[in-house]
N, C-alpha and C. Protein backbone atom coordinates (compact mmCIF):
# COMPACT_ATOMS: atom_id res chain seq x y z
N MET A 1 2.14 10.03 20.91
CA MET A 1 1.79 9.73 19.54
C MET A 1 2.14 10.92 18.66
N SER A 2 2.75 10.64 17.53
CA SER A 2 3.15 11.70 16.61
C SER A 2 1.92 12.32 15.94
N THR A 3 1.98 13.62 15.75
CA THR A 3 0.92 14.30 15.02
C THR A 3 1.50 14.92 13.75
N ARG A 4 2.60 14.36 13.28
CA ARG A 4 3.24 14.86 12.08
C ARG A 4 3.41 13.73 11.08
N PRO A 5 3.30 14.04 9.79
CA PRO A 5 3.54 13.01 8.79
C PRO A 5 5.00 12.56 8.83
N SER A 6 5.25 11.36 8.34
CA SER A 6 6.60 10.80 8.36
C SER A 6 6.79 9.87 7.18
N LYS A 7 7.99 9.82 6.63
CA LYS A 7 8.31 8.89 5.55
C LYS A 7 8.89 7.58 6.10
N THR A 8 8.93 7.43 7.42
CA THR A 8 9.48 6.22 8.04
C THR A 8 8.41 5.15 8.17
N LEU A 9 8.69 3.99 7.61
CA LEU A 9 7.79 2.84 7.74
C LEU A 9 8.38 1.89 8.78
N GLU A 10 7.82 1.92 9.97
CA GLU A 10 8.29 1.03 11.02
C GLU A 10 7.75 -0.37 10.79
N THR A 11 8.47 -1.35 11.30
CA THR A 11 8.09 -2.76 11.11
C THR A 11 8.13 -3.49 12.44
N PHE A 12 7.60 -4.71 12.43
CA PHE A 12 7.72 -5.60 13.58
C PHE A 12 7.82 -7.03 13.04
N PRO A 13 8.35 -7.96 13.83
CA PRO A 13 8.53 -9.33 13.34
C PRO A 13 7.19 -10.01 13.04
N ASN A 14 7.16 -10.74 11.95
CA ASN A 14 5.99 -11.53 11.57
C ASN A 14 5.79 -12.60 12.65
N PRO A 15 4.62 -12.65 13.28
CA PRO A 15 4.41 -13.62 14.34
C PRO A 15 4.29 -15.07 13.84
N LYS A 16 4.07 -15.27 12.55
CA LYS A 16 3.94 -16.62 11.99
C LYS A 16 4.67 -16.71 10.64
N PRO A 17 5.99 -16.54 10.63
CA PRO A 17 6.72 -16.51 9.35
C PRO A 17 6.70 -17.84 8.60
N GLU A 18 6.37 -18.93 9.28
CA GLU A 18 6.34 -20.24 8.63
C GLU A 18 5.07 -20.44 7.79
N ARG A 19 4.11 -19.53 7.89
CA ARG A 19 2.82 -19.68 7.21
C ARG A 19 2.59 -18.53 6.23
N ASP A 20 2.09 -18.85 5.06
CA ASP A 20 1.60 -17.82 4.14
C ASP A 20 0.20 -17.44 4.60
N TYR A 21 0.01 -16.20 4.95
CA TYR A 21 -1.33 -15.70 5.27
C TYR A 21 -1.42 -14.28 4.75
N VAL A 22 -2.60 -13.89 4.36
CA VAL A 22 -2.80 -12.59 3.72
C VAL A 22 -3.20 -11.55 4.76
N ILE A 23 -2.52 -10.43 4.72
CA ILE A 23 -2.87 -9.26 5.53
C ILE A 23 -3.50 -8.26 4.56
N SER A 24 -4.73 -7.85 4.84
CA SER A 24 -5.45 -6.92 3.97
C SER A 24 -5.77 -5.65 4.74
N MET A 25 -5.56 -4.53 4.08
CA MET A 25 -5.86 -3.23 4.69
C MET A 25 -6.62 -2.38 3.67
N ARG A 26 -7.57 -1.64 4.16
CA ARG A 26 -8.33 -0.68 3.35
C ARG A 26 -8.09 0.69 3.95
N MET A 27 -7.60 1.62 3.12
CA MET A 27 -7.23 2.95 3.60
C MET A 27 -8.00 3.99 2.78
N PRO A 28 -9.19 4.42 3.27
CA PRO A 28 -10.08 5.25 2.46
C PRO A 28 -9.78 6.76 2.51
N GLU A 29 -8.72 7.17 3.18
CA GLU A 29 -8.49 8.61 3.35
C GLU A 29 -7.19 9.10 2.72
N PHE A 30 -6.70 8.42 1.67
CA PHE A 30 -5.45 8.85 1.05
C PHE A 30 -5.67 10.12 0.25
N THR A 31 -4.73 11.05 0.39
CA THR A 31 -4.81 12.32 -0.34
C THR A 31 -3.41 12.72 -0.82
N CYS A 32 -3.34 13.17 -2.05
CA CYS A 32 -2.14 13.82 -2.58
C CYS A 32 -2.64 14.98 -3.44
N LEU A 33 -1.72 15.67 -4.09
CA LEU A 33 -2.10 16.81 -4.93
C LEU A 33 -1.86 16.50 -6.39
N CYS A 34 -2.74 17.00 -7.24
CA CYS A 34 -2.52 16.91 -8.67
C CYS A 34 -1.29 17.74 -9.02
N PRO A 35 -0.31 17.16 -9.71
CA PRO A 35 0.90 17.92 -10.03
C PRO A 35 0.67 19.01 -11.08
N LYS A 36 -0.44 18.96 -11.79
CA LYS A 36 -0.75 19.96 -12.81
C LYS A 36 -1.53 21.15 -12.25
N THR A 37 -2.52 20.85 -11.37
CA THR A 37 -3.41 21.92 -10.89
C THR A 37 -3.18 22.28 -9.43
N GLY A 38 -2.55 21.40 -8.67
CA GLY A 38 -2.39 21.63 -7.24
C GLY A 38 -3.63 21.29 -6.43
N GLN A 39 -4.68 20.83 -7.11
CA GLN A 39 -5.91 20.47 -6.40
C GLN A 39 -5.75 19.09 -5.77
N PRO A 40 -6.48 18.84 -4.67
CA PRO A 40 -6.33 17.54 -4.00
C PRO A 40 -6.93 16.40 -4.81
N ASP A 41 -6.24 15.27 -4.75
CA ASP A 41 -6.74 14.01 -5.30
C ASP A 41 -6.99 13.08 -4.12
N PHE A 42 -8.12 12.41 -4.13
CA PHE A 42 -8.49 11.51 -3.04
C PHE A 42 -8.56 10.08 -3.57
N ALA A 43 -8.15 9.13 -2.75
CA ALA A 43 -8.18 7.73 -3.17
C ALA A 43 -8.43 6.82 -1.99
N THR A 44 -8.94 5.65 -2.30
CA THR A 44 -8.97 4.55 -1.33
C THR A 44 -7.88 3.59 -1.77
N LEU A 45 -7.01 3.25 -0.84
CA LEU A 45 -5.94 2.30 -1.10
C LEU A 45 -6.31 0.95 -0.50
N TYR A 46 -6.05 -0.10 -1.25
CA TYR A 46 -6.26 -1.47 -0.79
C TYR A 46 -4.91 -2.17 -0.83
N LEU A 47 -4.44 -2.61 0.31
CA LEU A 47 -3.15 -3.28 0.41
C LEU A 47 -3.37 -4.72 0.85
N ASP A 48 -2.83 -5.65 0.08
CA ASP A 48 -2.82 -7.06 0.43
C ASP A 48 -1.37 -7.51 0.35
N PHE A 49 -0.90 -8.19 1.40
CA PHE A 49 0.45 -8.72 1.32
C PHE A 49 0.58 -9.99 2.14
N ILE A 50 1.55 -10.80 1.73
CA ILE A 50 1.95 -11.98 2.48
C ILE A 50 3.32 -11.68 3.02
N ALA A 51 3.40 -11.53 4.32
CA ALA A 51 4.65 -11.15 4.97
C ALA A 51 5.66 -12.28 4.91
N ASP A 52 6.92 -11.91 4.95
CA ASP A 52 7.98 -12.91 5.13
C ASP A 52 8.44 -12.79 6.58
N GLU A 53 9.47 -12.02 6.84
CA GLU A 53 9.98 -11.88 8.21
C GLU A 53 9.40 -10.67 8.95
N LEU A 54 8.88 -9.68 8.19
CA LEU A 54 8.44 -8.43 8.80
C LEU A 54 7.03 -8.04 8.37
N CYS A 55 6.35 -7.31 9.24
CA CYS A 55 5.06 -6.69 8.95
C CYS A 55 5.21 -5.18 9.14
N VAL A 56 4.35 -4.41 8.49
CA VAL A 56 4.38 -2.96 8.66
C VAL A 56 3.50 -2.57 9.84
N GLU A 57 3.98 -1.62 10.63
CA GLU A 57 3.26 -1.14 11.81
C GLU A 57 2.21 -0.12 11.35
N LEU A 58 0.98 -0.25 11.84
CA LEU A 58 -0.14 0.54 11.32
C LEU A 58 -0.03 2.04 11.57
N LYS A 59 0.38 2.45 12.76
CA LYS A 59 0.50 3.88 13.02
C LYS A 59 1.54 4.51 12.09
N ALA A 60 2.64 3.82 11.90
CA ALA A 60 3.68 4.32 11.00
C ALA A 60 3.16 4.39 9.57
N LEU A 61 2.36 3.40 9.15
CA LEU A 61 1.78 3.41 7.81
C LEU A 61 0.84 4.60 7.66
N LYS A 62 0.05 4.87 8.67
CA LYS A 62 -0.87 6.02 8.64
C LYS A 62 -0.09 7.33 8.48
N LEU A 63 0.98 7.50 9.24
CA LEU A 63 1.77 8.73 9.16
C LEU A 63 2.51 8.82 7.82
N TYR A 64 2.93 7.68 7.30
CA TYR A 64 3.59 7.64 5.99
C TYR A 64 2.61 8.09 4.90
N LEU A 65 1.40 7.54 4.91
CA LEU A 65 0.40 7.94 3.90
C LEU A 65 0.05 9.41 4.03
N TRP A 66 -0.01 9.90 5.26
CA TRP A 66 -0.30 11.31 5.52
C TRP A 66 0.77 12.20 4.87
N SER A 67 2.00 11.70 4.75
CA SER A 67 3.10 12.52 4.22
C SER A 67 2.90 12.89 2.75
N PHE A 68 1.98 12.25 2.06
CA PHE A 68 1.72 12.58 0.66
C PHE A 68 0.68 13.69 0.50
N ARG A 69 0.06 14.10 1.58
CA ARG A 69 -1.05 15.05 1.51
C ARG A 69 -0.69 16.35 0.80
N ASP A 70 0.53 16.82 0.96
CA ASP A 70 0.93 18.09 0.35
C ASP A 70 1.91 17.91 -0.80
N GLU A 71 1.99 16.69 -1.35
CA GLU A 71 2.90 16.41 -2.46
C GLU A 71 2.13 16.27 -3.76
N GLY A 72 2.68 16.84 -4.80
CA GLY A 72 2.11 16.65 -6.12
C GLY A 72 2.58 15.32 -6.68
N ALA A 73 1.65 14.52 -7.19
CA ALA A 73 2.02 13.20 -7.71
C ALA A 73 0.98 12.70 -8.70
N PHE A 74 1.46 12.14 -9.80
CA PHE A 74 0.55 11.46 -10.71
C PHE A 74 0.12 10.16 -10.06
N HIS A 75 -1.08 9.72 -10.34
CA HIS A 75 -1.65 8.52 -9.71
C HIS A 75 -0.74 7.31 -9.90
N GLU A 76 -0.24 7.13 -11.11
CA GLU A 76 0.60 5.98 -11.41
C GLU A 76 1.90 6.01 -10.59
N ASP A 77 2.48 7.20 -10.49
CA ASP A 77 3.74 7.33 -9.75
C ASP A 77 3.57 7.10 -8.26
N VAL A 78 2.58 7.72 -7.66
CA VAL A 78 2.43 7.62 -6.21
C VAL A 78 2.08 6.20 -5.80
N THR A 79 1.26 5.51 -6.60
CA THR A 79 0.92 4.12 -6.28
C THR A 79 2.16 3.24 -6.31
N ASN A 80 2.96 3.37 -7.35
CA ASN A 80 4.18 2.57 -7.46
C ASN A 80 5.22 2.96 -6.41
N ARG A 81 5.30 4.22 -6.06
CA ARG A 81 6.24 4.66 -5.02
C ARG A 81 5.88 4.05 -3.67
N ILE A 82 4.59 4.07 -3.34
CA ILE A 82 4.15 3.49 -2.06
C ILE A 82 4.43 1.99 -2.05
N ALA A 83 4.11 1.30 -3.15
CA ALA A 83 4.39 -0.13 -3.23
C ALA A 83 5.89 -0.41 -3.08
N ASP A 84 6.72 0.37 -3.77
CA ASP A 84 8.17 0.18 -3.68
C ASP A 84 8.68 0.43 -2.26
N ASP A 85 8.17 1.46 -1.60
CA ASP A 85 8.61 1.76 -0.23
C ASP A 85 8.20 0.65 0.73
N LEU A 86 7.01 0.10 0.55
CA LEU A 86 6.57 -1.01 1.40
C LEU A 86 7.43 -2.25 1.16
N VAL A 87 7.72 -2.55 -0.09
CA VAL A 87 8.58 -3.69 -0.40
C VAL A 87 9.96 -3.49 0.21
N ALA A 88 10.51 -2.28 0.11
CA ALA A 88 11.83 -2.01 0.69
C ALA A 88 11.81 -2.16 2.21
N ALA A 89 10.71 -1.81 2.85
CA ALA A 89 10.63 -1.85 4.32
C ALA A 89 10.41 -3.26 4.85
N ILE A 90 9.53 -4.05 4.19
CA ILE A 90 9.16 -5.34 4.79
C ILE A 90 9.56 -6.56 3.96
N ASN A 91 10.00 -6.36 2.71
CA ASN A 91 10.45 -7.46 1.86
C ASN A 91 9.45 -8.63 1.89
N PRO A 92 8.20 -8.38 1.50
CA PRO A 92 7.17 -9.42 1.61
C PRO A 92 7.34 -10.51 0.55
N ARG A 93 6.68 -11.63 0.79
CA ARG A 93 6.64 -12.68 -0.23
C ARG A 93 5.80 -12.22 -1.41
N TYR A 94 4.73 -11.49 -1.10
CA TYR A 94 3.82 -11.00 -2.13
C TYR A 94 3.21 -9.70 -1.63
N LEU A 95 2.98 -8.76 -2.55
CA LEU A 95 2.32 -7.50 -2.20
C LEU A 95 1.53 -7.01 -3.40
N ARG A 96 0.32 -6.57 -3.14
CA ARG A 96 -0.50 -5.90 -4.16
C ARG A 96 -1.07 -4.63 -3.54
N LEU A 97 -0.85 -3.50 -4.21
CA LEU A 97 -1.43 -2.24 -3.78
C LEU A 97 -2.34 -1.76 -4.90
N LYS A 98 -3.61 -1.58 -4.56
CA LYS A 98 -4.60 -1.07 -5.51
C LYS A 98 -5.03 0.31 -5.03
N ALA A 99 -4.94 1.30 -5.92
CA ALA A 99 -5.34 2.66 -5.59
C ALA A 99 -6.51 3.05 -6.48
N GLU A 100 -7.65 3.31 -5.85
CA GLU A 100 -8.84 3.75 -6.57
C GLU A 100 -9.02 5.24 -6.31
N PHE A 101 -8.67 6.04 -7.31
CA PHE A 101 -8.79 7.49 -7.17
C PHE A 101 -10.20 7.93 -7.54
N TYR A 102 -10.70 8.89 -6.79
CA TYR A 102 -12.04 9.39 -7.03
C TYR A 102 -12.06 10.18 -8.33
N VAL A 103 -13.25 10.45 -8.81
CA VAL A 103 -13.42 11.09 -10.10
C VAL A 103 -12.73 12.46 -10.16
N ARG A 104 -12.09 12.69 -11.31
CA ARG A 104 -11.53 14.00 -11.62
C ARG A 104 -11.74 14.21 -13.11
N GLY A 105 -12.45 15.26 -13.46
CA GLY A 105 -12.73 15.53 -14.87
C GLY A 105 -13.55 14.44 -15.53
N GLY A 106 -14.39 13.78 -14.74
CA GLY A 106 -15.25 12.73 -15.28
C GLY A 106 -14.54 11.39 -15.45
N ILE A 107 -13.31 11.26 -14.91
CA ILE A 107 -12.54 10.03 -15.06
C ILE A 107 -12.14 9.48 -13.70
N TYR A 108 -12.44 8.21 -13.48
CA TYR A 108 -11.94 7.49 -12.31
C TYR A 108 -10.67 6.76 -12.74
N THR A 109 -9.66 6.76 -11.88
CA THR A 109 -8.42 6.06 -12.17
C THR A 109 -8.18 4.99 -11.13
N THR A 110 -7.83 3.78 -11.57
CA THR A 110 -7.42 2.71 -10.67
C THR A 110 -6.05 2.24 -11.13
N VAL A 111 -5.12 2.18 -10.18
CA VAL A 111 -3.76 1.72 -10.46
C VAL A 111 -3.46 0.55 -9.53
N VAL A 112 -2.91 -0.53 -10.09
CA VAL A 112 -2.56 -1.71 -9.30
C VAL A 112 -1.08 -2.00 -9.50
N ALA A 113 -0.34 -2.09 -8.39
CA ALA A 113 1.08 -2.44 -8.43
C ALA A 113 1.29 -3.72 -7.63
N GLU A 114 2.06 -4.66 -8.19
CA GLU A 114 2.30 -5.93 -7.52
C GLU A 114 3.79 -6.22 -7.39
N HIS A 115 4.10 -7.05 -6.41
CA HIS A 115 5.47 -7.53 -6.19
C HIS A 115 5.41 -8.99 -5.77
N ARG A 116 6.29 -9.80 -6.33
CA ARG A 116 6.46 -11.19 -5.90
C ARG A 116 7.92 -11.40 -5.59
N LYS A 117 8.21 -11.93 -4.42
CA LYS A 117 9.59 -12.21 -4.03
C LYS A 117 10.16 -13.30 -4.93
N ALA A 118 11.39 -13.12 -5.38
CA ALA A 118 12.03 -14.11 -6.24
C ALA A 118 12.03 -15.48 -5.56
N GLY A 119 11.61 -16.49 -6.30
CA GLY A 119 11.61 -17.85 -5.78
C GLY A 119 10.37 -18.24 -5.00
N TRP A 120 9.51 -17.27 -4.70
CA TRP A 120 8.29 -17.60 -3.94
C TRP A 120 7.17 -17.97 -4.90
N THR A 121 6.49 -19.05 -4.60
CA THR A 121 5.29 -19.41 -5.34
C THR A 121 4.18 -19.67 -4.34
N PRO A 122 2.99 -19.21 -4.64
CA PRO A 122 1.89 -19.41 -3.69
C PRO A 122 1.44 -20.86 -3.67
N ALA A 123 0.92 -21.26 -2.53
CA ALA A 123 0.29 -22.57 -2.44
C ALA A 123 -0.97 -22.54 -3.29
N PRO A 124 -1.39 -23.71 -3.81
CA PRO A 124 -2.63 -23.73 -4.59
C PRO A 124 -3.81 -23.23 -3.76
N ARG A 125 -4.69 -22.49 -4.40
CA ARG A 125 -5.88 -21.98 -3.73
C ARG A 125 -6.85 -23.10 -3.41
N VAL A 126 -7.46 -23.04 -2.27
CA VAL A 126 -8.46 -24.03 -1.86
C VAL A 126 -9.80 -23.32 -1.79
N ASP A 127 -10.76 -23.76 -2.59
CA ASP A 127 -12.10 -23.21 -2.53
C ASP A 127 -13.01 -24.22 -1.84
N LEU A 128 -13.60 -23.82 -0.76
CA LEU A 128 -14.49 -24.70 -0.01
C LEU A 128 -15.92 -24.48 -0.46
N PRO A 129 -16.71 -25.54 -0.56
CA PRO A 129 -18.11 -25.36 -0.96
C PRO A 129 -18.87 -24.56 0.09
N ALA A 130 -19.87 -23.87 -0.34
CA ALA A 130 -20.65 -23.03 0.57
C ALA A 130 -21.41 -23.84 1.58
C-alpha cells in the first residue's frame, strides 16, 4: 500500500452500468493550505455521483485528496479542480461535490460543483410513504 500522496485517480468498471444508482462518499479529513497565509484549511467533502462505465477506486481517491495537503488553494478553485479531475477520470452521468470548509476568520465556506453528462436526464424521483 502506498504511503505517498498521488494525483492518479484509479478506476474500475461499474458493476451495474445499465442502472442509475447513487454512490455517496463523505470525506471528513480534507486539508489544503490557504494561499494567502499558508495556514491549513480543513474541510469535509461530500461526493455524490451516478457512474456510467467507471467508478473511482477508494484508496486512489484517498491518496489523491492527500496530495492537496501541502498545496495552497482557494476553496472555490480546489473544489472545482477536484470535481473536474473526477469527471475526467470516470466520466460520470452525474456528479456533485460539496466542500464544507471549517471556520476561518469567523466565516464558514461551502462550495458545490456539479456535472451532468450531455444527453443524460435522471429518472423521475420516487418518494415512498413512510
